[in-house]
Amino acid sequence: MKISSLETTDIFRGAYFLCRGGELSGIRFRNNGKPIALFLITGKELDKLDRDYRSGQALVNPLQFRESLNHLRDILFEKLREGEGRMRNGDRKRKNRGYQTRR
């Protein structure tokens, strides 16, 4: 069986893939005015699982789904906090400093 990967911004879809044997390979952020998380999932038969999800045929254990969803949220918020820490420590320039006027 071929291992494939896909990216999704849908945290519920990502949790479904984790319930069905997928693995979270990473999270990255895209910024279109506000940060958008992209979950990179790898695993076997992701294309079939994706078709099942989109057609409404997806079935999962609800407790496992909740745990997968919480896992993705925990990792997402951890990454967001890391980003805020870099902003506070000066690793990145803040874009909107209009409130800082010299007098």
PDB file of N, CA and C in Angstrom:
ATOM      1  N   MET A   1       0.835  -1.183   0.000  1.00  0.00           N
ATOM      2  CA  MET A   1       0.000   0.000   0.000  1.00  0.00           C
ATOM      3  C   MET A   1       0.877   1.243   0.000  1.00  0.00           C
ATOM      4  N   LYS A   2       0.454   2.187  -0.779  1.00  0.00           N
ATOM      5  CA  LYS A   2       1.219   3.413  -0.940  1.00  0.00           C
ATOM      6  C   LYS A   2       0.894   4.401   0.182  1.00  0.00           C
ATOM      7  N   ILE A   3       1.957   4.968   0.752  1.00  0.00           N
ATOM      8  CA  ILE A   3       1.761   6.001   1.770  1.00  0.00           C
ATOM      9  C   ILE A   3       1.676   7.340   1.053  1.00  0.00           C
ATOM     10  N   SER A   4       0.662   8.110   1.392  1.00  0.00           N
ATOM     11  CA  SER A   4       0.463   9.408   0.766  1.00  0.00           C
ATOM     12  C   SER A   4       0.380  10.487   1.835  1.00  0.00           C
ATOM     13  N   SER A   5       0.309  11.723   1.390  1.00  0.00           N
ATOM     14  CA  SER A   5       0.177  12.827   2.333  1.00  0.00           C
ATOM     15  C   SER A   5      -0.772  13.864   1.753  1.00  0.00           C
ATOM     16  N   LEU A   6      -1.361  14.628   2.634  1.00  0.00           N
ATOM     17  CA  LEU A   6      -2.218  15.723   2.213  1.00  0.00           C
ATOM     18  C   LEU A   6      -2.211  16.803   3.278  1.00  0.00           C
ATOM     19  N   GLU A   7      -2.593  17.991   2.864  1.00  0.00           N
ATOM     20  CA  GLU A   7      -2.715  19.119   3.782  1.00  0.00           C
ATOM     21  C   GLU A   7      -4.176  19.524   3.855  1.00  0.00           C
ATOM     22  N   THR A   8      -4.597  19.897   5.047  1.00  0.00           N
ATOM     23  CA  THR A   8      -5.971  20.374   5.219  1.00  0.00           C
ATOM     24  C   THR A   8      -5.992  21.493   6.248  1.00  0.00           C
ATOM     25  N   THR A   9      -6.907  22.419   6.048  1.00  0.00           N
ATOM     26  CA  THR A   9      -7.143  23.464   7.041  1.00  0.00           C
ATOM     27  C   THR A   9      -8.300  23.079   7.955  1.00  0.00           C
ATOM     28  N   ASP A  10      -8.978  21.993   7.641  1.00  0.00           N
ATOM     29  CA  ASP A  10     -10.154  21.527   8.382  1.00  0.00           C
ATOM     30  C   ASP A  10      -9.710  20.625   9.537  1.00  0.00           C
ATOM     31  N   ILE A  11      -9.821  21.129  10.757  1.00  0.00           N
ATOM     32  CA  ILE A  11      -9.367  20.375  11.929  1.00  0.00           C
ATOM     33  C   ILE A  11     -10.191  19.101  12.131  1.00  0.00           C
ATOM     34  N   PHE A  12     -11.460  19.110  11.751  1.00  0.00           N
ATOM     35  CA  PHE A  12     -12.297  17.916  11.874  1.00  0.00           C
ATOM     36  C   PHE A  12     -11.864  16.840  10.883  1.00  0.00           C
ATOM     37  N   ARG A  13     -11.558  17.265   9.670  1.00  0.00           N
ATOM     38  CA  ARG A  13     -11.055  16.331   8.656  1.00  0.00           C
ATOM     39  C   ARG A  13      -9.724  15.732   9.108  1.00  0.00           C
ATOM     40  N   GLY A  14      -8.852  16.578   9.666  1.00  0.00           N
ATOM     41  CA  GLY A  14      -7.575  16.092  10.177  1.00  0.00           C
ATOM     42  C   GLY A  14      -7.764  15.078  11.294  1.00  0.00           C
ATOM     43  N   ALA A  15      -8.702  15.341  12.199  1.00  0.00           N
ATOM     44  CA  ALA A  15      -8.979  14.406  13.299  1.00  0.00           C
ATOM     45  C   ALA A  15      -9.512  13.086  12.754  1.00  0.00           C
ATOM     46  N   TYR A  16     -10.339  13.151  11.716  1.00  0.00           N
ATOM     47  CA  TYR A  16     -10.843  11.921  11.089  1.00  0.00           C
ATOM     48  C   TYR A  16      -9.683  11.086  10.545  1.00  0.00           C
ATOM     49  N   PHE A  17      -8.761  11.734   9.839  1.00  0.00           N
ATOM     50  CA  PHE A  17      -7.622  10.991   9.287  1.00  0.00           C
ATOM     51  C   PHE A  17      -6.777  10.363  10.395  1.00  0.00           C
ATOM     52  N   LEU A  18      -6.609  11.079  11.510  1.00  0.00           N
ATOM     53  CA  LEU A  18      -5.844  10.512  12.625  1.00  0.00           C
ATOM     54  C   LEU A  18      -6.561   9.290  13.200  1.00  0.00           C
ATOM     55  N   CYS A  19      -7.870   9.348  13.300  1.00  0.00           N
ATOM     56  CA  CYS A  19      -8.654   8.203  13.805  1.00  0.00           C
ATOM     57  C   CYS A  19      -8.518   6.984  12.911  1.00  0.00           C
ATOM     58  N   ARG A  20      -8.314   7.223  11.637  1.00  0.00           N
ATOM     59  CA  ARG A  20      -8.255   6.127  10.674  1.00  0.00           C
ATOM     60  C   ARG A  20      -6.819   5.717  10.342  1.00  0.00           C
ATOM     61  N   GLY A  21      -5.868   6.071  11.205  1.00  0.00           N
ATOM     62  CA  GLY A  21      -4.501   5.586  11.047  1.00  0.00           C
ATOM     63  C   GLY A  21      -3.513   6.579  10.483  1.00  0.00           C
ATOM     64  N   GLY A  22      -3.964   7.778  10.145  1.00  0.00           N
ATOM     65  CA  GLY A  22      -3.047   8.792   9.644  1.00  0.00           C
ATOM     66  C   GLY A  22      -2.171   9.336  10.763  1.00  0.00           C
ATOM     67  N   GLU A  23      -1.095   9.997  10.375  1.00  0.00           N
ATOM     68  CA  GLU A  23      -0.187  10.613  11.349  1.00  0.00           C
ATOM     69  C   GLU A  23      -0.021  12.081  11.029  1.00  0.00           C
ATOM     70  N   LEU A  24       0.044  12.886  12.057  1.00  0.00           N
ATOM     71  CA  LEU A  24       0.301  14.309  11.885  1.00  0.00           C
ATOM     72  C   LEU A  24       1.792  14.484  11.656  1.00  0.00           C
ATOM     73  N   SER A  25       2.160  14.978  10.471  1.00  0.00           N
ATOM     74  CA  SER A  25       3.565  15.175  10.138  1.00  0.00           C
ATOM     75  C   SER A  25       4.034  16.593  10.429  1.00  0.00           C
ATOM     76  N   GLY A  26       3.093  17.517  10.552  1.00  0.00           N
ATOM     77  CA  GLY A  26       3.473  18.891  10.844  1.00  0.00           C
ATOM     78  C   GLY A  26       2.312  19.840  10.725  1.00  0.00           C
ATOM     79  N   ILE A  27       2.548  21.023  11.225  1.00  0.00           N
ATOM     80  CA  ILE A  27       1.590  22.123  11.096  1.00  0.00           C
ATOM     81  C   ILE A  27       2.375  23.318  10.593  1.00  0.00           C
ATOM     82  N   ARG A  28       1.828  23.991   9.599  1.00  0.00           N
ATOM     83  CA  ARG A  28       2.433  25.240   9.148  1.00  0.00           C
ATOM     84  C   ARG A  28       1.326  26.273   9.055  1.00  0.00           C
ATOM     85  N   PHE A  29       1.727  27.516   8.963  1.00  0.00           N
ATOM     86  CA  PHE A  29       0.746  28.597   8.941  1.00  0.00           C
ATOM     87  C   PHE A  29       0.851  29.374   7.647  1.00  0.00           C
ATOM     88  N   ARG A  30      -0.317  29.731   7.132  1.00  0.00           N
ATOM     89  CA  ARG A  30      -0.433  30.600   5.971  1.00  0.00           C
ATOM     90  C   ARG A  30      -1.115  31.866   6.488  1.00  0.00           C
ATOM     91  N   ASN A  31      -0.698  33.005   6.004  1.00  0.00           N
ATOM     92  CA  ASN A  31      -1.270  34.248   6.504  1.00  0.00           C
ATOM     93  C   ASN A  31      -1.906  35.021   5.360  1.00  0.00           C
ATOM     94  N   ASN A  32      -3.223  35.073   5.363  1.00  0.00           N
ATOM     95  CA  ASN A  32      -3.996  35.864   4.401  1.00  0.00           C
ATOM     96  C   ASN A  32      -4.797  36.910   5.171  1.00  0.00           C
ATOM     97  N   GLY A  33      -4.111  37.733   5.932  1.00  0.00           N
ATOM     98  CA  GLY A  33      -4.788  38.687   6.784  1.00  0.00           C
ATOM     99  C   GLY A  33      -4.936  38.168   8.199  1.00  0.00           C
ATOM    100  N   LYS A  34      -5.095  36.868   8.329  1.00  0.00           N
ATOM    101  CA  LYS A  34      -5.097  36.212   9.631  1.00  0.00           C
ATOM    102  C   LYS A  34      -4.429  34.850   9.450  1.00  0.00           C
ATOM    103  N   PRO A  35      -3.792  34.336  10.498  1.00  0.00           N
ATOM    104  CA  PRO A  35      -3.099  33.051  10.336  1.00  0.00           C
ATOM    105  C   PRO A  35      -4.081  31.897  10.132  1.00  0.00           C
ATOM    106  N   ILE A  36      -3.755  31.042   9.183  1.00  0.00           N
ATOM    107  CA  ILE A  36      -4.551  29.849   8.901  1.00  0.00           C
ATOM    108  C   ILE A  36      -3.639  28.644   9.057  1.00  0.00           C
ATOM    109  N   ALA A  37      -4.059  27.691   9.876  1.00  0.00           N
ATOM    110  CA  ALA A  37      -3.250  26.495  10.115  1.00  0.00           C
ATOM    111  C   ALA A  37      -3.498  25.465   9.020  1.00  0.00           C
ATOM    112  N   LEU A  38      -2.401  24.868   8.559  1.00  0.00           N
ATOM    113  CA  LEU A  38      -2.456  23.767   7.602  1.00  0.00           C
ATOM    114  C   LEU A  38      -1.881  22.539   8.290  1.00  0.00           C
ATOM    115  N   PHE A  39      -2.681  21.490   8.400  1.00  0.00           N
ATOM    116  CA  PHE A  39      -2.243  20.248   9.023  1.00  0.00           C
ATOM    117  C   PHE A  39      -1.744  19.312   7.930  1.00  0.00           C
ATOM    118  N   LEU A  40      -0.510  18.828   8.056  1.00  0.00           N
ATOM    119  CA  LEU A  40       0.040  17.871   7.112  1.00  0.00           C
ATOM    120  C   LEU A  40      -0.153  16.479   7.699  1.00  0.00           C
ATOM    121  N   ILE A  41      -0.929  15.659   6.994  1.00  0.00           N
ATOM    122  CA  ILE A  41      -1.258  14.304   7.440  1.00  0.00           C
ATOM    123  C   ILE A  41      -0.638  13.309   6.455  1.00  0.00           C
ATOM    124  N   THR A  42      -0.002  12.272   6.973  1.00  0.00           N
ATOM    125  CA  THR A  42       0.520  11.197   6.132  1.00  0.00           C
ATOM    126  C   THR A  42      -0.119   9.881   6.561  1.00  0.00           C
ATOM    127  N   GLY A  43      -0.241   8.960   5.621  1.00  0.00           N
ATOM    128  CA  GLY A  43      -0.797   7.661   5.948  1.00  0.00           C
ATOM    129  C   GLY A  43      -1.176   6.876   4.716  1.00  0.00           C
ATOM    130  N   LYS A  44      -1.706   5.705   4.942  1.00  0.00           N
ATOM    131  CA  LYS A  44      -2.115   4.812   3.857  1.00  0.00           C
ATOM    132  C   LYS A  44      -3.540   5.126   3.433  1.00  0.00           C
ATOM    133  N   GLU A  45      -3.776   5.060   2.152  1.00  0.00           N
ATOM    134  CA  GLU A  45      -5.112   5.194   1.561  1.00  0.00           C
ATOM    135  C   GLU A  45      -5.833   6.489   1.945  1.00  0.00           C
ATOM    136  N   LEU A  46      -5.095   7.587   2.045  1.00  0.00           N
ATOM    137  CA  LEU A  46      -5.733   8.856   2.396  1.00  0.00           C
ATOM    138  C   LEU A  46      -6.737   9.298   1.337  1.00  0.00           C
ATOM    139  N   ASP A  47      -6.480   8.961   0.068  1.00  0.00           N
ATOM    140  CA  ASP A  47      -7.421   9.352  -0.978  1.00  0.00           C
ATOM    141  C   ASP A  47      -8.780   8.661  -0.788  1.00  0.00           C
ATOM    142  N   LYS A  48      -8.767   7.382  -0.409  1.00  0.00           N
ATOM    143  CA  LYS A  48     -10.028   6.659  -0.140  1.00  0.00           C
ATOM    144  C   LYS A  48     -10.721   7.230   1.098  1.00  0.00           C
ATOM    145  N   LEU A  49      -9.937   7.488   2.146  1.00  0.00           N
ATOM    146  CA  LEU A  49     -10.517   8.067   3.358  1.00  0.00           C
ATOM    147  C   LEU A  49     -11.117   9.433   3.072  1.00  0.00           C
ATOM    148  N   ASP A  50     -10.442  10.212   2.218  1.00  0.00           N
ATOM    149  CA  ASP A  50     -10.939  11.538   1.866  1.00  0.00           C
ATOM    150  C   ASP A  50     -12.262  11.431   1.107  1.00  0.00           C
ATOM    151  N   ARG A  51     -12.360  10.486   0.196  1.00  0.00           N
ATOM    152  CA  ARG A  51     -13.626  10.289  -0.533  1.00  0.00           C
ATOM    153  C   ARG A  51     -14.751   9.910   0.427  1.00  0.00           C
ATOM    154  N   ASP A  52     -14.450   9.009   1.376  1.00  0.00           N
ATOM    155  CA  ASP A  52     -15.457   8.622   2.365  1.00  0.00           C
ATOM    156  C   ASP A  52     -15.897   9.822   3.197  1.00  0.00           C
ATOM    157  N   TYR A  53     -14.938  10.648   3.606  1.00  0.00           N
ATOM    158  CA  TYR A  53     -15.245  11.824   4.428  1.00  0.00           C
ATOM    159  C   TYR A  53     -16.149  12.791   3.655  1.00  0.00           C
ATOM    160  N   ARG A  54     -15.773  13.069   2.431  1.00  0.00           N
ATOM    161  CA  ARG A  54     -16.527  14.039   1.631  1.00  0.00           C
ATOM    162  C   ARG A  54     -17.915  13.528   1.235  1.00  0.00           C
ATOM    163  N   SER A  55     -18.066  12.219   1.108  1.00  0.00           N
ATOM    164  CA  SER A  55     -19.362  11.661   0.693  1.00  0.00           C
ATOM    165  C   SER A  55     -20.284  11.376   1.878  1.00  0.00           C
ATOM    166  N   GLY A  56     -19.793  11.569   3.090  1.00  0.00           N
ATOM    167  CA  GLY A  56     -20.617  11.315   4.267  1.00  0.00           C
ATOM    168  C   GLY A  56     -20.609   9.861   4.708  1.00  0.00           C
ATOM    169  N   GLN A  57     -19.706   9.062   4.164  1.00  0.00           N
ATOM    170  CA  GLN A  57     -19.626   7.649   4.508  1.00  0.00           C
ATOM    171  C   GLN A  57     -18.615   7.362   5.616  1.00  0.00           C
ATOM    172  N   ALA A  58     -17.975   8.391   6.141  1.00  0.00           N
ATOM    173  CA  ALA A  58     -16.926   8.224   7.147  1.00  0.00           C
ATOM    174  C   ALA A  58     -17.525   7.771   8.482  1.00  0.00           C
ATOM    175  N   LEU A  59     -16.926   6.761   9.061  1.00  0.00           N
ATOM    176  CA  LEU A  59     -17.342   6.266  10.369  1.00  0.00           C
ATOM    177  C   LEU A  59     -16.123   6.202  11.285  1.00  0.00           C
ATOM    178  N   VAL A  60     -16.288   6.688  12.512  1.00  0.00           N
ATOM    179  CA  VAL A  60     -15.199   6.641  13.489  1.00  0.00           C
ATOM    180  C   VAL A  60     -15.787   6.374  14.876  1.00  0.00           C
ATOM    181  N   ASN A  61     -14.937   5.951  15.769  1.00  0.00           N
ATOM    182  CA  ASN A  61     -15.290   5.841  17.174  1.00  0.00           C
ATOM    183  C   ASN A  61     -15.361   7.274  17.723  1.00  0.00           C
ATOM    184  N   PRO A  62     -16.487   7.697  18.281  1.00  0.00           N
ATOM    185  CA  PRO A  62     -16.619   9.091  18.723  1.00  0.00           C
ATOM    186  C   PRO A  62     -15.627   9.488  19.814  1.00  0.00           C
ATOM    187  N   LEU A  63     -15.277   8.566  20.707  1.00  0.00           N
ATOM    188  CA  LEU A  63     -14.304   8.902  21.749  1.00  0.00           C
ATOM    189  C   LEU A  63     -12.915   9.106  21.146  1.00  0.00           C
ATOM    190  N   GLN A  64     -12.568   8.262  20.204  1.00  0.00           N
ATOM    191  CA  GLN A  64     -11.280   8.395  19.526  1.00  0.00           C
ATOM    192  C   GLN A  64     -11.242   9.694  18.712  1.00  0.00           C
ATOM    193  N   PHE A  65     -12.371  10.030  18.083  1.00  0.00           N
ATOM    194  CA  PHE A  65     -12.435  11.274  17.319  1.00  0.00           C
ATOM    195  C   PHE A  65     -12.228  12.483  18.221  1.00  0.00           C
ATOM    196  N   ARG A  66     -12.886  12.476  19.378  1.00  0.00           N
ATOM    197  CA  ARG A  66     -12.722  13.585  20.327  1.00  0.00           C
ATOM    198  C   ARG A  66     -11.271  13.703  20.776  1.00  0.00           C
ATOM    199  N   GLU A  67     -10.636  12.575  21.067  1.00  0.00           N
ATOM    200  CA  GLU A  67      -9.230  12.597  21.489  1.00  0.00           C
ATOM    201  C   GLU A  67      -8.325  13.122  20.378  1.00  0.00           C
ATOM    202  N   SER A  68      -8.583  12.723  19.148  1.00  0.00           N
ATOM    203  CA  SER A  68      -7.789  13.202  18.013  1.00  0.00           C
ATOM    204  C   SER A  68      -7.990  14.697  17.811  1.00  0.00           C
ATOM    205  N   LEU A  69      -9.225  15.152  17.945  1.00  0.00           N
ATOM    206  CA  LEU A  69      -9.525  16.569  17.810  1.00  0.00           C
ATOM    207  C   LEU A  69      -8.818  17.377  18.901  1.00  0.00           C
ATOM    208  N   ASN A  70      -8.869  16.903  20.130  1.00  0.00           N
ATOM    209  CA  ASN A  70      -8.181  17.590  21.227  1.00  0.00           C
ATOM    210  C   ASN A  70      -6.669  17.597  21.020  1.00  0.00           C
ATOM    211  N   HIS A  71      -6.132  16.501  20.497  1.00  0.00           N
ATOM    212  CA  HIS A  71      -4.697  16.423  20.213  1.00  0.00           C
ATOM    213  C   HIS A  71      -4.291  17.489  19.190  1.00  0.00           C
ATOM    214  N   LEU A  72      -5.054  17.620  18.115  1.00  0.00           N
ATOM    215  CA  LEU A  72      -4.754  18.630  17.102  1.00  0.00           C
ATOM    216  C   LEU A  72      -4.871  20.037  17.674  1.00  0.00           C
ATOM    217  N   ARG A  73      -5.890  20.269  18.486  1.00  0.00           N
ATOM    218  CA  ARG A  73      -6.047  21.592  19.111  1.00  0.00           C
ATOM    219  C   ARG A  73      -4.876  21.908  20.035  1.00  0.00           C
ATOM    220  N   ASP A  74      -4.463  20.928  20.835  1.00  0.00           N
ATOM    221  CA  ASP A  74      -3.336  21.147  21.747  1.00  0.00           C
ATOM    222  C   ASP A  74      -2.077  21.527  20.986  1.00  0.00           C
ATOM    223  N   ILE A  75      -1.789  20.791  19.923  1.00  0.00           N
ATOM    224  CA  ILE A  75      -0.592  21.086  19.137  1.00  0.00           C
ATOM    225  C   ILE A  75      -0.719  22.439  18.450  1.00  0.00           C
ATOM    226  N   LEU A  76      -1.895  22.739  17.935  1.00  0.00           N
ATOM    227  CA  LEU A  76      -2.134  24.025  17.271  1.00  0.00           C
ATOM    228  C   LEU A  76      -1.908  25.184  18.234  1.00  0.00           C
ATOM    229  N   PHE A  77      -2.490  25.116  19.422  1.00  0.00           N
ATOM    230  CA  PHE A  77      -2.329  26.210  20.381  1.00  0.00           C
ATOM    231  C   PHE A  77      -0.898  26.321  20.882  1.00  0.00           C
ATOM    232  N   GLU A  78      -0.212  25.197  20.997  1.00  0.00           N
ATOM    233  CA  GLU A  78       1.198  25.228  21.389  1.00  0.00           C
ATOM    234  C   GLU A  78       2.022  25.971  20.334  1.00  0.00           C
ATOM    235  N   LYS A  79       1.776  25.690  19.058  1.00  0.00           N
ATOM    236  CA  LYS A  79       2.485  26.369  17.968  1.00  0.00           C
ATOM    237  C   LYS A  79       2.160  27.859  17.963  1.00  0.00           C
ATOM    238  N   LEU A  80       0.906  28.202  18.205  1.00  0.00           N
ATOM    239  CA  LEU A  80       0.522  29.614  18.252  1.00  0.00           C
ATOM    240  C   LEU A  80       1.211  30.336  19.403  1.00  0.00           C
ATOM    241  N   ARG A  81       1.298  29.685  20.568  1.00  0.00           N
ATOM    242  CA  ARG A  81       1.992  30.301  21.705  1.00  0.00           C
ATOM    243  C   ARG A  81       3.473  30.491  21.410  1.00  0.00           C
ATOM    244  N   GLU A  82       4.095  29.526  20.729  1.00  0.00           N
ATOM    245  CA  GLU A  82       5.498  29.660  20.351  1.00  0.00           C
ATOM    246  C   GLU A  82       5.686  30.884  19.462  1.00  0.00           C
ATOM    247  N   GLY A  83       4.763  31.093  18.536  1.00  0.00           N
ATOM    248  CA  GLY A  83       4.827  32.248  17.637  1.00  0.00           C
ATOM    249  C   GLY A  83       4.690  33.559  18.394  1.00  0.00           C
ATOM    250  N   GLU A  84       3.799  33.594  19.388  1.00  0.00           N
ATOM    251  CA  GLU A  84       3.632  34.797  20.193  1.00  0.00           C
ATOM    252  C   GLU A  84       4.897  35.072  20.990  1.00  0.00           C
ATOM    253  N   GLY A  85       5.549  34.050  21.481  1.00  0.00           N
ATOM    254  CA  GLY A  85       6.786  34.219  22.232  1.00  0.00           C
ATOM    255  C   GLY A  85       7.875  34.832  21.382  1.00  0.00           C
ATOM    256  N   ARG A  86       7.974  34.420  20.126  1.00  0.00           N
ATOM    257  CA  ARG A  86       8.959  35.007  19.223  1.00  0.00           C
ATOM    258  C   ARG A  86       8.635  36.465  18.973  1.00  0.00           C
ATOM    259  N   MET A  87       7.345  36.787  18.873  1.00  0.00           N
ATOM    260  CA  MET A  87       6.953  38.178  18.648  1.00  0.00           C
ATOM    261  C   MET A  87       7.363  39.040  19.840  1.00  0.00           C
ATOM    262  N   ARG A  88       7.138  38.548  21.050  1.00  0.00           N
ATOM    263  CA  ARG A  88       7.485  39.315  22.247  1.00  0.00           C
ATOM    264  C   ARG A  88       8.988  39.474  22.400  1.00  0.00           C
ATOM    265  N   ASN A  89       9.740  38.468  21.991  1.00  0.00           N
ATOM    266  CA  ASN A  89      11.185  38.502  22.155  1.00  0.00           C
ATOM    267  C   ASN A  89      11.900  39.228  21.033  1.00  0.00           C
ATOM    268  N   GLY A  90      11.158  39.728  20.069  1.00  0.00           N
ATOM    269  CA  GLY A  90      11.773  40.530  19.020  1.00  0.00           C
ATOM    270  C   GLY A  90      12.327  39.731  17.852  1.00  0.00           C
ATOM    271  N   ASP A  91      12.010  38.459  17.752  1.00  0.00           N
ATOM    272  CA  ASP A  91      12.499  37.667  16.629  1.00  0.00           C
ATOM    273  C   ASP A  91      11.806  38.056  15.323  1.00  0.00           C
ATOM    274  N   ARG A  92      10.634  38.634  15.417  1.00  0.00           N
ATOM    275  CA  ARG A  92       9.893  39.068  14.240  1.00  0.00           C
ATOM    276  C   ARG A  92       9.520  40.530  14.410  1.00  0.00           C
ATOM    277  N   LYS A  93       9.412  41.231  13.304  1.00  0.00           N
ATOM    278  CA  LYS A  93       8.945  42.606  13.358  1.00  0.00           C
ATOM    279  C   LYS A  93       7.435  42.625  13.438  1.00  0.00           C
ATOM    280  N   ARG A  94       6.917  43.465  14.254  1.00  0.00           N
ATOM    281  CA  ARG A  94       5.464  43.644  14.283  1.00  0.00           C
ATOM    282  C   ARG A  94       5.090  44.593  13.171  1.00  0.00           C
ATOM    283  N   LYS A  95       4.035  44.246  12.465  1.00  0.00           N
ATOM    284  CA  LYS A  95       3.668  45.009  11.283  1.00  0.00           C
ATOM    285  C   LYS A  95       2.961  46.318  11.610  1.00  0.00           C
ATOM    286  N   ASN A  96       2.107  46.325  12.610  1.00  0.00           N
ATOM    287  CA  ASN A  96       1.306  47.502  12.890  1.00  0.00           C
ATOM    288  C   ASN A  96       1.808  48.169  14.164  1.00  0.00           C
ATOM    289  N   ARG A  97       2.618  49.188  14.002  1.00  0.00           N
ATOM    290  CA  ARG A  97       3.115  49.927  15.156  1.00  0.00           C
ATOM    291  C   ARG A  97       2.633  51.377  15.107  1.00  0.00           C
ATOM    292  N   GLY A  98       1.493  51.574  14.508  1.00  0.00           N
ATOM    293  CA  GLY A  98       0.935  52.914  14.397  1.00  0.00           C
ATOM    294  C   GLY A  98       0.619  53.537  15.737  1.00  0.00           C
ATOM    295  N   TYR A  99       0.423  52.730  16.746  1.00  0.00           N
ATOM    296  CA  TYR A  99       0.104  53.228  18.073  1.00  0.00           C
ATOM    297  C   TYR A  99       1.337  53.800  18.766  1.00  0.00           C
ATOM    298  N   GLN A 100       2.532  53.542  18.219  1.00  0.00           N
ATOM    299  CA  GLN A 100       3.771  54.052  18.824  1.00  0.00           C
ATOM    300  C   GLN A 100       4.205  55.318  18.076  1.00  0.00           C
ATOM    301  N   THR A 101       3.766  56.429  18.566  1.00  0.00           N
ATOM    302  CA  THR A 101       4.153  57.682  17.920  1.00  0.00           C
ATOM    303  C   THR A 101       5.140  58.413  18.808  1.00  0.00           C
ATOM    304  N   ARG A 102       6.075  59.049  18.163  1.00  0.00           N
ATOM    305  CA  ARG A 102       7.061  59.836  18.932  1.00  0.00           C
ATOM    306  C   ARG A 102       6.463  61.183  19.254  1.00  0.00           C
ATOM    307  N   ARG A 103       6.746  61.624  20.441  1.00  0.00           N
ATOM    308  CA  ARG A 103       6.232  62.937  20.878  1.00  0.00           C
ATOM    309  C   ARG A 103       7.358  63.834  21.234  1.00  0.00           C
TER     310      ARG A 103
END
